[in-house]
Amino acid sequence: MRVRTATTTAVLLLAALTACGGGDDASSKPEAAPTSAPASSEPPAGTVEKGLSLGQSARTTGDGGTGVLEITPDTVVFSKQGGSETAANGMFAVVTMKDKAMTAAAADEPAPISGGGWKWMAPDGEMVDTQVGNAFNVVMDKYNNSDPVQSGAWQWRSQVFDLTPEQAKGGTLIYIDGEEKAHRWQMPSTASGPNVAEVMKQLAP
């Protein structure tokens, strides 16, 4: 009788120990659900980084890394004529901007020959520079400054692009500064800005 009781007690004790110890066995734990990879913060390929709007300023590095220019494109005008010149591709896009020196050193915009300066990116992504068509021949007296901007001073400038009608339907104005950094402005598809009337007057034949 004592033997049977001891045996029964031992069996019950062994079962209890097995039940308690099962929770420590890694193989008995349920597998954790796989976690999904974090969403990428990079924009999908082919997208265009959102830029500034017409009238907003960007602080840019001057040509050769010298000085700082605050550049503010403020007016855009579309015209088939630019003085005595006719747009070879159908439409001139004329953008005026204010360049202001922000440091003790004079600063200038990089020349297009260096790979810097201004470009127009059409809605389909095609890049057009200021040397295309008859753009280079359009001159406006007030906005024709090109000398380095001296410390504490500012000057009006302009850029002209000879575009097809499709390329002129909005787009992105891009400026590449002295450190090869690209600054972007979203362009409207119609004449906009505070100096439209004055620019149109200077573009008249």
N, C-alpha and C. Protein backbone atom coordinates (compact mmCIF):
# COMPACT_ATOMS: atom_id res chain seq x y z
N MET A 1 0.83 -1.20 0.00
CA MET A 1 0.00 0.00 0.00
C MET A 1 0.87 1.25 0.00
N ARG A 2 1.90 1.22 0.86
CA ARG A 2 2.80 2.37 0.91
C ARG A 2 3.56 2.52 -0.40
N VAL A 3 3.93 1.41 -1.01
CA VAL A 3 4.67 1.46 -2.27
C VAL A 3 3.83 2.10 -3.35
N ARG A 4 2.51 1.68 -3.41
CA ARG A 4 1.63 2.23 -4.44
C ARG A 4 1.40 3.72 -4.24
N THR A 5 1.25 4.15 -2.97
CA THR A 5 1.04 5.57 -2.69
C THR A 5 2.26 6.39 -3.06
N ALA A 6 3.42 5.89 -2.74
CA ALA A 6 4.66 6.61 -3.08
C ALA A 6 4.83 6.72 -4.57
N THR A 7 4.46 5.63 -5.27
CA THR A 7 4.60 5.65 -6.73
C THR A 7 3.66 6.67 -7.35
N THR A 8 2.40 6.69 -6.82
CA THR A 8 1.41 7.64 -7.35
C THR A 8 1.86 9.08 -7.10
N THR A 9 2.41 9.31 -5.90
CA THR A 9 2.89 10.65 -5.55
C THR A 9 4.04 11.08 -6.47
N ALA A 10 4.93 10.16 -6.76
CA ALA A 10 6.08 10.48 -7.62
C ALA A 10 5.62 10.82 -9.03
N VAL A 11 4.61 10.08 -9.53
CA VAL A 11 4.09 10.34 -10.88
C VAL A 11 3.46 11.73 -10.96
N LEU A 12 2.65 12.07 -9.93
CA LEU A 12 2.00 13.38 -9.91
C LEU A 12 3.03 14.51 -9.81
N LEU A 13 4.08 14.31 -9.00
CA LEU A 13 5.12 15.32 -8.83
C LEU A 13 5.87 15.53 -10.14
N LEU A 14 6.18 14.43 -10.86
CA LEU A 14 6.89 14.53 -12.13
C LEU A 14 6.05 15.28 -13.17
N ALA A 15 4.76 15.02 -13.19
CA ALA A 15 3.87 15.70 -14.14
C ALA A 15 3.82 17.19 -13.86
N ALA A 16 3.78 17.54 -12.57
CA ALA A 16 3.73 18.95 -12.20
C ALA A 16 5.01 19.68 -12.61
N LEU A 17 6.15 19.02 -12.39
CA LEU A 17 7.43 19.63 -12.76
C LEU A 17 7.55 19.81 -14.26
N THR A 18 7.06 18.82 -15.01
CA THR A 18 7.11 18.91 -16.48
C THR A 18 6.26 20.07 -16.98
N ALA A 19 5.08 20.26 -16.40
CA ALA A 19 4.19 21.35 -16.82
C ALA A 19 4.80 22.71 -16.51
N CYS A 20 5.44 22.83 -15.36
CA CYS A 20 6.05 24.11 -15.00
C CYS A 20 7.26 24.42 -15.86
N GLY A 21 8.07 23.42 -16.15
CA GLY A 21 9.31 23.65 -16.88
C GLY A 21 9.10 23.83 -18.36
N GLY A 22 7.93 23.48 -18.91
CA GLY A 22 7.69 23.57 -20.34
C GLY A 22 7.75 24.99 -20.84
N GLY A 23 7.43 25.96 -19.98
CA GLY A 23 7.42 27.36 -20.43
C GLY A 23 8.80 27.88 -20.69
N ASP A 24 9.85 27.22 -20.17
CA ASP A 24 11.22 27.69 -20.35
C ASP A 24 11.86 27.11 -21.60
N ASP A 25 11.19 26.19 -22.26
CA ASP A 25 11.76 25.54 -23.44
C ASP A 25 11.53 26.43 -24.65
N ALA A 26 12.62 26.93 -25.28
CA ALA A 26 12.51 27.87 -26.40
C ALA A 26 11.75 27.25 -27.55
N SER A 27 11.86 25.91 -27.70
CA SER A 27 11.21 25.27 -28.83
C SER A 27 9.70 25.25 -28.69
N SER A 28 9.21 25.43 -27.46
CA SER A 28 7.77 25.39 -27.24
C SER A 28 7.13 26.76 -27.38
N LYS A 29 7.93 27.85 -27.51
CA LYS A 29 7.38 29.19 -27.62
C LYS A 29 6.86 29.43 -29.04
N PRO A 30 5.74 30.16 -29.20
CA PRO A 30 5.23 30.45 -30.55
C PRO A 30 6.18 31.41 -31.27
N GLU A 31 6.34 31.20 -32.55
CA GLU A 31 7.24 32.06 -33.33
C GLU A 31 6.66 33.46 -33.46
N ALA A 32 7.55 34.48 -33.31
CA ALA A 32 7.09 35.86 -33.43
C ALA A 32 6.73 36.15 -34.88
N ALA A 33 5.67 36.94 -35.06
CA ALA A 33 5.25 37.29 -36.41
C ALA A 33 6.32 38.15 -37.07
N PRO A 34 6.66 37.85 -38.31
CA PRO A 34 7.70 38.67 -38.97
C PRO A 34 7.25 40.12 -39.09
N THR A 35 8.18 41.02 -38.81
CA THR A 35 7.86 42.45 -38.90
C THR A 35 8.14 42.94 -40.31
N SER A 36 7.31 43.83 -40.82
CA SER A 36 7.49 44.35 -42.17
C SER A 36 8.60 45.38 -42.17
N ALA A 37 9.31 45.52 -43.28
CA ALA A 37 10.41 46.48 -43.39
C ALA A 37 9.85 47.89 -43.30
N PRO A 38 10.57 48.80 -42.62
CA PRO A 38 10.07 50.18 -42.51
C PRO A 38 9.94 50.82 -43.87
N ALA A 39 8.92 51.65 -44.01
CA ALA A 39 8.69 52.34 -45.28
C ALA A 39 9.86 53.27 -45.60
N SER A 40 10.30 53.28 -46.84
CA SER A 40 11.41 54.14 -47.24
C SER A 40 10.97 55.59 -47.30
N SER A 41 11.85 56.49 -46.84
CA SER A 41 11.56 57.91 -46.90
C SER A 41 11.99 58.52 -48.23
N GLU A 42 12.65 57.71 -49.07
CA GLU A 42 13.11 58.21 -50.36
C GLU A 42 11.94 58.29 -51.33
N PRO A 43 11.88 59.36 -52.15
CA PRO A 43 10.80 59.44 -53.13
C PRO A 43 10.98 58.40 -54.22
N PRO A 44 9.89 57.93 -54.82
CA PRO A 44 10.01 56.95 -55.90
C PRO A 44 10.83 57.51 -57.05
N ALA A 45 11.49 56.61 -57.77
CA ALA A 45 12.31 57.03 -58.90
C ALA A 45 11.47 57.80 -59.91
N GLY A 46 12.04 58.86 -60.44
CA GLY A 46 11.34 59.65 -61.45
C GLY A 46 10.56 60.82 -60.90
N THR A 47 10.44 60.93 -59.57
CA THR A 47 9.71 62.05 -58.99
C THR A 47 10.61 63.26 -58.87
N VAL A 48 10.00 64.45 -58.80
CA VAL A 48 10.75 65.69 -58.71
C VAL A 48 10.60 66.27 -57.31
N GLU A 49 11.72 66.59 -56.70
CA GLU A 49 11.70 67.19 -55.37
C GLU A 49 10.91 68.51 -55.40
N LYS A 50 10.04 68.68 -54.44
CA LYS A 50 9.24 69.90 -54.39
C LYS A 50 10.14 71.11 -54.15
N GLY A 51 9.91 72.16 -54.93
CA GLY A 51 10.75 73.34 -54.82
C GLY A 51 10.03 74.51 -54.18
N LEU A 52 10.68 75.67 -54.26
CA LEU A 52 10.11 76.91 -53.77
C LEU A 52 9.09 77.43 -54.79
N SER A 53 8.38 78.46 -54.39
CA SER A 53 7.43 79.11 -55.29
C SER A 53 7.99 80.43 -55.77
N LEU A 54 7.45 80.94 -56.87
CA LEU A 54 7.84 82.24 -57.38
C LEU A 54 7.69 83.28 -56.28
N GLY A 55 8.73 84.11 -56.07
CA GLY A 55 8.71 85.11 -55.01
C GLY A 55 9.40 84.69 -53.74
N GLN A 56 9.76 83.40 -53.62
CA GLN A 56 10.49 82.92 -52.43
C GLN A 56 11.99 82.94 -52.69
N SER A 57 12.76 83.18 -51.62
CA SER A 57 14.21 83.35 -51.74
C SER A 57 14.98 82.08 -51.38
N ALA A 58 16.15 81.94 -51.97
CA ALA A 58 17.07 80.84 -51.63
C ALA A 58 18.45 81.43 -51.39
N ARG A 59 19.12 81.00 -50.33
CA ARG A 59 20.51 81.40 -50.06
C ARG A 59 21.42 80.44 -50.81
N THR A 60 22.24 80.98 -51.69
CA THR A 60 23.06 80.15 -52.58
C THR A 60 24.53 80.53 -52.46
N THR A 61 25.39 79.58 -52.73
CA THR A 61 26.84 79.83 -52.72
C THR A 61 27.27 80.46 -54.03
N GLY A 62 28.12 81.50 -53.94
CA GLY A 62 28.57 82.20 -55.13
C GLY A 62 29.52 81.39 -55.97
N ASP A 63 29.80 81.90 -57.14
CA ASP A 63 30.70 81.24 -58.08
C ASP A 63 32.05 80.96 -57.43
N GLY A 64 32.56 79.75 -57.64
CA GLY A 64 33.84 79.37 -57.06
C GLY A 64 33.81 79.18 -55.56
N GLY A 65 32.60 79.13 -54.97
CA GLY A 65 32.47 78.97 -53.52
C GLY A 65 32.68 80.25 -52.75
N THR A 66 32.72 81.40 -53.44
CA THR A 66 32.97 82.69 -52.79
C THR A 66 31.67 83.44 -52.54
N GLY A 67 31.44 83.83 -51.28
CA GLY A 67 30.29 84.64 -50.95
C GLY A 67 28.98 83.88 -50.97
N VAL A 68 27.92 84.59 -50.59
CA VAL A 68 26.57 84.02 -50.56
C VAL A 68 25.63 84.98 -51.26
N LEU A 69 24.84 84.47 -52.19
CA LEU A 69 23.81 85.24 -52.87
C LEU A 69 22.44 84.78 -52.41
N GLU A 70 21.60 85.73 -52.03
CA GLU A 70 20.20 85.43 -51.81
C GLU A 70 19.48 85.74 -53.13
N ILE A 71 18.91 84.71 -53.74
CA ILE A 71 18.29 84.86 -55.06
C ILE A 71 16.79 84.70 -54.93
N THR A 72 16.06 85.67 -55.52
CA THR A 72 14.60 85.66 -55.45
C THR A 72 14.01 85.85 -56.84
N PRO A 73 13.66 84.75 -57.55
CA PRO A 73 12.92 84.91 -58.80
C PRO A 73 11.53 85.46 -58.47
N ASP A 74 11.14 86.59 -59.11
CA ASP A 74 9.88 87.21 -58.68
C ASP A 74 8.83 87.34 -59.77
N THR A 75 9.23 87.27 -61.05
CA THR A 75 8.27 87.46 -62.13
C THR A 75 8.61 86.53 -63.29
N VAL A 76 7.57 85.95 -63.91
CA VAL A 76 7.76 85.17 -65.13
C VAL A 76 6.76 85.66 -66.17
N VAL A 77 7.24 85.79 -67.39
CA VAL A 77 6.42 86.25 -68.51
C VAL A 77 6.66 85.32 -69.69
N PHE A 78 5.60 85.03 -70.44
CA PHE A 78 5.71 84.20 -71.65
C PHE A 78 5.37 85.08 -72.86
N SER A 79 6.24 85.06 -73.86
CA SER A 79 6.05 85.93 -75.03
C SER A 79 6.71 85.30 -76.26
N LYS A 80 6.05 85.46 -77.41
CA LYS A 80 6.65 84.98 -78.66
C LYS A 80 7.73 85.91 -79.16
N GLN A 81 7.66 87.17 -78.70
CA GLN A 81 8.63 88.18 -79.13
C GLN A 81 9.46 88.66 -77.94
N GLY A 82 10.72 88.92 -78.20
CA GLY A 82 11.60 89.53 -77.22
C GLY A 82 12.39 90.63 -77.87
N GLY A 83 11.81 91.84 -77.91
CA GLY A 83 12.42 92.92 -78.67
C GLY A 83 12.34 92.59 -80.14
N SER A 84 13.48 92.58 -80.82
CA SER A 84 13.50 92.26 -82.24
C SER A 84 13.63 90.77 -82.51
N GLU A 85 13.70 89.96 -81.45
CA GLU A 85 13.88 88.52 -81.59
C GLU A 85 12.54 87.78 -81.51
N THR A 86 12.42 86.73 -82.32
CA THR A 86 11.26 85.85 -82.26
C THR A 86 11.71 84.50 -81.73
N ALA A 87 10.93 83.92 -80.85
CA ALA A 87 11.29 82.64 -80.26
C ALA A 87 11.40 81.57 -81.34
N ALA A 88 12.55 80.93 -81.44
CA ALA A 88 12.77 79.91 -82.47
C ALA A 88 11.89 78.69 -82.24
N ASN A 89 11.59 78.40 -80.98
CA ASN A 89 10.80 77.21 -80.65
C ASN A 89 9.34 77.53 -80.33
N GLY A 90 8.99 78.80 -80.41
CA GLY A 90 7.58 79.15 -80.25
C GLY A 90 7.27 80.09 -79.10
N MET A 91 8.06 80.04 -77.99
CA MET A 91 7.72 80.84 -76.81
C MET A 91 8.95 81.14 -75.95
N PHE A 92 9.13 82.42 -75.64
CA PHE A 92 10.14 82.79 -74.65
C PHE A 92 9.52 82.72 -73.26
N ALA A 93 10.24 82.15 -72.31
CA ALA A 93 9.90 82.27 -70.90
C ALA A 93 10.95 83.18 -70.28
N VAL A 94 10.53 84.34 -69.81
CA VAL A 94 11.43 85.34 -69.26
C VAL A 94 11.22 85.41 -67.74
N VAL A 95 12.28 85.16 -66.99
CA VAL A 95 12.19 85.17 -65.53
C VAL A 95 13.10 86.27 -64.99
N THR A 96 12.57 87.15 -64.16
CA THR A 96 13.40 88.18 -63.51
C THR A 96 13.65 87.77 -62.07
N MET A 97 14.82 88.16 -61.57
CA MET A 97 15.18 87.80 -60.19
C MET A 97 16.04 88.89 -59.54
N LYS A 98 16.00 88.91 -58.24
CA LYS A 98 16.78 89.85 -57.44
C LYS A 98 17.90 89.08 -56.76
N ASP A 99 19.16 89.49 -57.02
CA ASP A 99 20.34 88.87 -56.41
C ASP A 99 20.91 89.81 -55.36
N LYS A 100 21.05 89.34 -54.14
CA LYS A 100 21.55 90.16 -53.04
C LYS A 100 22.74 89.48 -52.37
N ALA A 101 23.85 90.22 -52.21
CA ALA A 101 25.05 89.68 -51.54
C ALA A 101 24.81 89.66 -50.03
N MET A 102 25.08 88.53 -49.40
CA MET A 102 24.75 88.35 -47.99
C MET A 102 25.97 88.30 -47.08
N THR A 103 27.17 88.38 -47.62
CA THR A 103 28.38 88.33 -46.80
C THR A 103 29.30 89.50 -47.16
N ALA A 104 30.44 89.57 -46.47
CA ALA A 104 31.39 90.66 -46.72
C ALA A 104 32.08 90.53 -48.06
N ALA A 105 32.01 89.35 -48.67
CA ALA A 105 32.65 89.13 -49.97
C ALA A 105 31.65 89.32 -51.10
N ALA A 106 32.11 89.89 -52.21
CA ALA A 106 31.27 89.98 -53.40
C ALA A 106 30.96 88.57 -53.90
N ALA A 107 29.81 88.41 -54.52
CA ALA A 107 29.41 87.08 -55.00
C ALA A 107 28.79 87.20 -56.38
N ASP A 108 28.93 86.13 -57.15
CA ASP A 108 28.39 86.12 -58.51
C ASP A 108 27.78 84.75 -58.80
N GLU A 109 26.93 84.71 -59.84
CA GLU A 109 26.36 83.45 -60.29
C GLU A 109 27.37 82.72 -61.17
N PRO A 110 27.45 81.39 -61.09
CA PRO A 110 28.35 80.64 -61.98
C PRO A 110 27.92 80.80 -63.44
N ALA A 111 28.88 80.81 -64.33
CA ALA A 111 28.58 80.91 -65.76
C ALA A 111 28.10 79.56 -66.28
N PRO A 112 27.21 79.55 -67.28
CA PRO A 112 26.72 78.28 -67.83
C PRO A 112 27.84 77.36 -68.31
N ILE A 113 28.95 77.95 -68.79
CA ILE A 113 30.05 77.13 -69.31
C ILE A 113 30.65 76.25 -68.21
N SER A 114 30.49 76.66 -66.94
CA SER A 114 31.03 75.89 -65.81
C SER A 114 30.08 74.77 -65.38
N GLY A 115 28.92 74.70 -65.99
CA GLY A 115 27.94 73.69 -65.59
C GLY A 115 26.94 74.20 -64.57
N GLY A 116 27.14 75.44 -64.09
CA GLY A 116 26.20 76.01 -63.13
C GLY A 116 25.22 76.93 -63.81
N GLY A 117 24.57 77.76 -63.00
CA GLY A 117 23.62 78.72 -63.56
C GLY A 117 22.22 78.16 -63.68
N TRP A 118 21.47 78.65 -64.69
CA TRP A 118 20.02 78.45 -64.77
C TRP A 118 19.60 77.46 -65.84
N LYS A 119 18.56 76.69 -65.51
CA LYS A 119 17.95 75.76 -66.47
C LYS A 119 16.43 75.75 -66.22
N TRP A 120 15.70 75.40 -67.27
CA TRP A 120 14.25 75.23 -67.18
C TRP A 120 13.95 73.75 -67.38
N MET A 121 13.28 73.13 -66.40
CA MET A 121 12.88 71.74 -66.56
C MET A 121 11.40 71.72 -66.94
N ALA A 122 11.13 71.23 -68.14
CA ALA A 122 9.77 71.18 -68.65
C ALA A 122 8.94 70.16 -67.87
N PRO A 123 7.61 70.20 -68.01
CA PRO A 123 6.75 69.24 -67.28
C PRO A 123 7.10 67.78 -67.54
N ASP A 124 7.65 67.46 -68.72
CA ASP A 124 8.01 66.06 -69.00
C ASP A 124 9.42 65.71 -68.55
N GLY A 125 10.11 66.68 -67.92
CA GLY A 125 11.44 66.42 -67.38
C GLY A 125 12.59 66.88 -68.26
N GLU A 126 12.32 67.31 -69.50
CA GLU A 126 13.41 67.76 -70.38
C GLU A 126 14.03 69.05 -69.85
N MET A 127 15.38 69.11 -69.86
CA MET A 127 16.10 70.27 -69.37
C MET A 127 16.46 71.18 -70.54
N VAL A 128 16.20 72.49 -70.37
CA VAL A 128 16.50 73.48 -71.40
C VAL A 128 17.35 74.57 -70.75
N ASP A 129 18.47 74.92 -71.39
CA ASP A 129 19.30 75.98 -70.82
C ASP A 129 19.10 77.29 -71.56
N THR A 130 19.81 78.32 -71.15
CA THR A 130 19.60 79.66 -71.71
C THR A 130 20.30 79.86 -73.05
N GLN A 131 21.00 78.85 -73.54
CA GLN A 131 21.71 78.97 -74.82
C GLN A 131 20.89 78.41 -75.99
N VAL A 132 19.71 77.89 -75.72
CA VAL A 132 18.90 77.27 -76.77
C VAL A 132 18.14 78.33 -77.57
N GLY A 133 18.03 78.12 -78.89
CA GLY A 133 17.26 79.01 -79.75
C GLY A 133 17.77 80.44 -79.74
N ASN A 134 16.84 81.39 -79.64
CA ASN A 134 17.20 82.81 -79.66
C ASN A 134 17.18 83.46 -78.27
N ALA A 135 17.16 82.63 -77.23
CA ALA A 135 17.05 83.16 -75.87
C ALA A 135 18.18 84.12 -75.53
N PHE A 136 19.39 83.80 -75.96
CA PHE A 136 20.56 84.59 -75.59
C PHE A 136 20.52 86.01 -76.15
N ASN A 137 19.73 86.20 -77.21
CA ASN A 137 19.69 87.51 -77.87
C ASN A 137 18.65 88.46 -77.29
N VAL A 138 17.86 87.99 -76.33
CA VAL A 138 16.84 88.84 -75.72
C VAL A 138 17.49 89.65 -74.60
N VAL A 139 17.43 90.97 -74.69
CA VAL A 139 18.08 91.84 -73.71
C VAL A 139 17.06 92.85 -73.18
N MET A 140 17.04 93.01 -71.87
CA MET A 140 16.20 94.02 -71.22
C MET A 140 17.10 94.89 -70.36
N ASP A 141 17.10 96.19 -70.60
CA ASP A 141 18.05 97.09 -69.96
C ASP A 141 18.07 96.96 -68.44
N LYS A 142 16.92 97.03 -67.80
CA LYS A 142 16.88 97.04 -66.33
C LYS A 142 17.35 95.72 -65.74
N TYR A 143 17.12 94.63 -66.46
CA TYR A 143 17.38 93.29 -65.90
C TYR A 143 18.60 92.63 -66.54
N ASN A 144 19.50 93.44 -67.07
CA ASN A 144 20.63 92.91 -67.81
C ASN A 144 21.93 92.93 -67.01
N ASN A 145 21.87 93.08 -65.70
CA ASN A 145 23.09 93.14 -64.87
C ASN A 145 23.79 91.78 -64.84
N SER A 146 25.10 91.82 -64.85
CA SER A 146 25.86 90.57 -64.83
C SER A 146 27.16 90.68 -64.04
N ASP A 147 27.45 91.85 -63.46
CA ASP A 147 28.66 92.00 -62.66
C ASP A 147 28.50 91.32 -61.30
N PRO A 148 29.60 90.94 -60.64
CA PRO A 148 29.49 90.40 -59.28
C PRO A 148 28.75 91.39 -58.38
N VAL A 149 27.95 90.87 -57.46
CA VAL A 149 27.19 91.71 -56.54
C VAL A 149 28.08 92.02 -55.34
N GLN A 150 28.29 93.30 -55.10
CA GLN A 150 29.16 93.71 -54.02
C GLN A 150 28.49 93.56 -52.66
N SER A 151 29.31 93.46 -51.62
CA SER A 151 28.80 93.29 -50.26
C SER A 151 27.78 94.37 -49.92
N GLY A 152 26.64 93.97 -49.38
CA GLY A 152 25.60 94.90 -48.98
C GLY A 152 24.74 95.41 -50.11
N ALA A 153 25.00 94.98 -51.34
CA ALA A 153 24.26 95.48 -52.50
C ALA A 153 23.38 94.38 -53.09
N TRP A 154 22.50 94.80 -54.01
CA TRP A 154 21.69 93.85 -54.76
C TRP A 154 21.47 94.38 -56.17
N GLN A 155 21.06 93.52 -57.07
CA GLN A 155 20.81 93.94 -58.45
C GLN A 155 19.74 93.05 -59.08
N TRP A 156 19.08 93.61 -60.10
CA TRP A 156 18.11 92.85 -60.89
C TRP A 156 18.84 92.06 -61.97
N ARG A 157 18.37 90.86 -62.21
CA ARG A 157 18.87 90.05 -63.31
C ARG A 157 17.69 89.38 -64.00
N SER A 158 17.96 88.72 -65.11
CA SER A 158 16.90 87.98 -65.79
C SER A 158 17.50 86.79 -66.52
N GLN A 159 16.66 85.81 -66.77
CA GLN A 159 17.05 84.64 -67.57
C GLN A 159 15.94 84.39 -68.58
N VAL A 160 16.34 84.03 -69.80
CA VAL A 160 15.38 83.81 -70.88
C VAL A 160 15.57 82.40 -71.44
N PHE A 161 14.47 81.72 -71.66
CA PHE A 161 14.49 80.36 -72.22
C PHE A 161 13.61 80.34 -73.47
N ASP A 162 14.10 79.71 -74.53
CA ASP A 162 13.37 79.56 -75.78
C ASP A 162 12.73 78.18 -75.76
N LEU A 163 11.42 78.12 -75.54
CA LEU A 163 10.72 76.87 -75.29
C LEU A 163 9.69 76.56 -76.36
N THR A 164 9.32 75.30 -76.46
CA THR A 164 8.15 74.93 -77.24
C THR A 164 6.91 75.27 -76.41
N PRO A 165 5.74 75.40 -77.02
CA PRO A 165 4.53 75.68 -76.25
C PRO A 165 4.28 74.65 -75.14
N GLU A 166 4.60 73.38 -75.39
CA GLU A 166 4.41 72.36 -74.37
C GLU A 166 5.37 72.56 -73.19
N GLN A 167 6.62 72.90 -73.49
CA GLN A 167 7.60 73.12 -72.43
C GLN A 167 7.26 74.32 -71.58
N ALA A 168 6.52 75.27 -72.15
CA ALA A 168 6.18 76.50 -71.43
C ALA A 168 4.95 76.35 -70.54
N LYS A 169 4.34 75.18 -70.55
CA LYS A 169 3.15 74.96 -69.72
C LYS A 169 3.57 74.62 -68.29
N GLY A 170 4.11 75.60 -67.61
CA GLY A 170 4.62 75.36 -66.26
C GLY A 170 5.97 74.68 -66.34
N GLY A 171 6.49 74.27 -65.22
CA GLY A 171 7.78 73.61 -65.19
C GLY A 171 8.52 73.98 -63.92
N THR A 172 9.82 73.73 -63.90
CA THR A 172 10.65 73.99 -62.73
C THR A 172 11.86 74.80 -63.14
N LEU A 173 12.06 75.93 -62.49
CA LEU A 173 13.25 76.74 -62.69
C LEU A 173 14.34 76.20 -61.77
N ILE A 174 15.49 75.88 -62.32
CA ILE A 174 16.58 75.28 -61.54
C ILE A 174 17.82 76.16 -61.61
N TYR A 175 18.41 76.42 -60.44
CA TYR A 175 19.66 77.18 -60.37
C TYR A 175 20.70 76.33 -59.67
N ILE A 176 21.86 76.14 -60.31
CA ILE A 176 22.95 75.35 -59.74
C ILE A 176 24.03 76.32 -59.29
N ASP A 177 24.29 76.36 -57.97
CA ASP A 177 25.18 77.38 -57.41
C ASP A 177 26.65 76.97 -57.44
N GLY A 178 27.49 77.76 -56.75
CA GLY A 178 28.93 77.55 -56.78
C GLY A 178 29.40 76.29 -56.08
N GLU A 179 28.52 75.64 -55.34
CA GLU A 179 28.85 74.35 -54.72
C GLU A 179 28.13 73.21 -55.43
N GLU A 180 27.59 73.49 -56.62
CA GLU A 180 26.87 72.52 -57.45
C GLU A 180 25.61 72.01 -56.75
N LYS A 181 25.04 72.85 -55.89
CA LYS A 181 23.77 72.51 -55.27
C LYS A 181 22.64 73.09 -56.11
N ALA A 182 21.61 72.28 -56.36
CA ALA A 182 20.49 72.70 -57.19
C ALA A 182 19.37 73.29 -56.32
N HIS A 183 18.93 74.48 -56.69
CA HIS A 183 17.80 75.14 -56.04
C HIS A 183 16.65 75.19 -57.04
N ARG A 184 15.43 74.91 -56.59
CA ARG A 184 14.29 74.75 -57.50
C ARG A 184 13.15 75.69 -57.14
N TRP A 185 12.51 76.19 -58.19
CA TRP A 185 11.29 76.98 -58.02
C TRP A 185 10.22 76.43 -58.98
N GLN A 186 9.03 76.18 -58.46
CA GLN A 186 7.93 75.75 -59.31
C GLN A 186 7.40 76.96 -60.08
N MET A 187 7.29 76.84 -61.41
CA MET A 187 6.89 77.94 -62.26
C MET A 187 5.43 77.82 -62.70
N PRO A 188 4.68 78.92 -62.64
CA PRO A 188 3.31 78.90 -63.17
C PRO A 188 3.32 78.85 -64.70
N SER A 189 2.18 78.55 -65.29
CA SER A 189 2.10 78.45 -66.75
C SER A 189 1.58 79.74 -67.39
N THR A 190 1.28 80.75 -66.58
CA THR A 190 0.85 82.06 -67.09
C THR A 190 1.69 83.15 -66.46
N ALA A 191 1.71 84.33 -67.10
CA ALA A 191 2.49 85.45 -66.57
C ALA A 191 2.10 85.75 -65.13
N SER A 192 3.11 85.86 -64.26
CA SER A 192 2.86 86.04 -62.83
C SER A 192 3.97 86.87 -62.21
N GLY A 193 3.63 87.60 -61.15
CA GLY A 193 4.63 88.38 -60.41
C GLY A 193 4.36 89.86 -60.48
N PRO A 194 5.05 90.64 -59.65
CA PRO A 194 4.78 92.08 -59.53
C PRO A 194 5.27 92.92 -60.70
N ASN A 195 6.16 92.38 -61.54
CA ASN A 195 6.75 93.20 -62.61
C ASN A 195 6.33 92.77 -64.01
N VAL A 196 5.18 92.09 -64.13
CA VAL A 196 4.73 91.60 -65.44
C VAL A 196 4.61 92.74 -66.45
N ALA A 197 3.93 93.81 -66.08
CA ALA A 197 3.69 94.91 -67.01
C ALA A 197 5.00 95.54 -67.48
N GLU A 198 5.94 95.71 -66.56
CA GLU A 198 7.22 96.33 -66.91
C GLU A 198 8.03 95.42 -67.84
N VAL A 199 8.04 94.12 -67.55
CA VAL A 199 8.77 93.18 -68.40
C VAL A 199 8.16 93.13 -69.79
N MET A 200 6.84 93.08 -69.88
CA MET A 200 6.18 93.06 -71.18
C MET A 200 6.51 94.31 -71.99
N LYS A 201 6.60 95.45 -71.32
CA LYS A 201 6.95 96.70 -71.99
C LYS A 201 8.35 96.63 -72.57
N GLN A 202 9.28 96.04 -71.81
CA GLN A 202 10.67 95.94 -72.29
C GLN A 202 10.82 94.89 -73.38
N LEU A 203 9.90 93.94 -73.45
CA LEU A 203 9.96 92.90 -74.48
C LEU A 203 9.27 93.34 -75.77
N ALA A 204 8.56 94.43 -75.74
CA ALA A 204 7.83 94.89 -76.93
C ALA A 204 8.80 95.20 -78.06
N PRO A 205 8.42 94.88 -79.31
CA PRO A 205 9.31 95.16 -80.45
C PRO A 205 9.58 96.65 -80.60
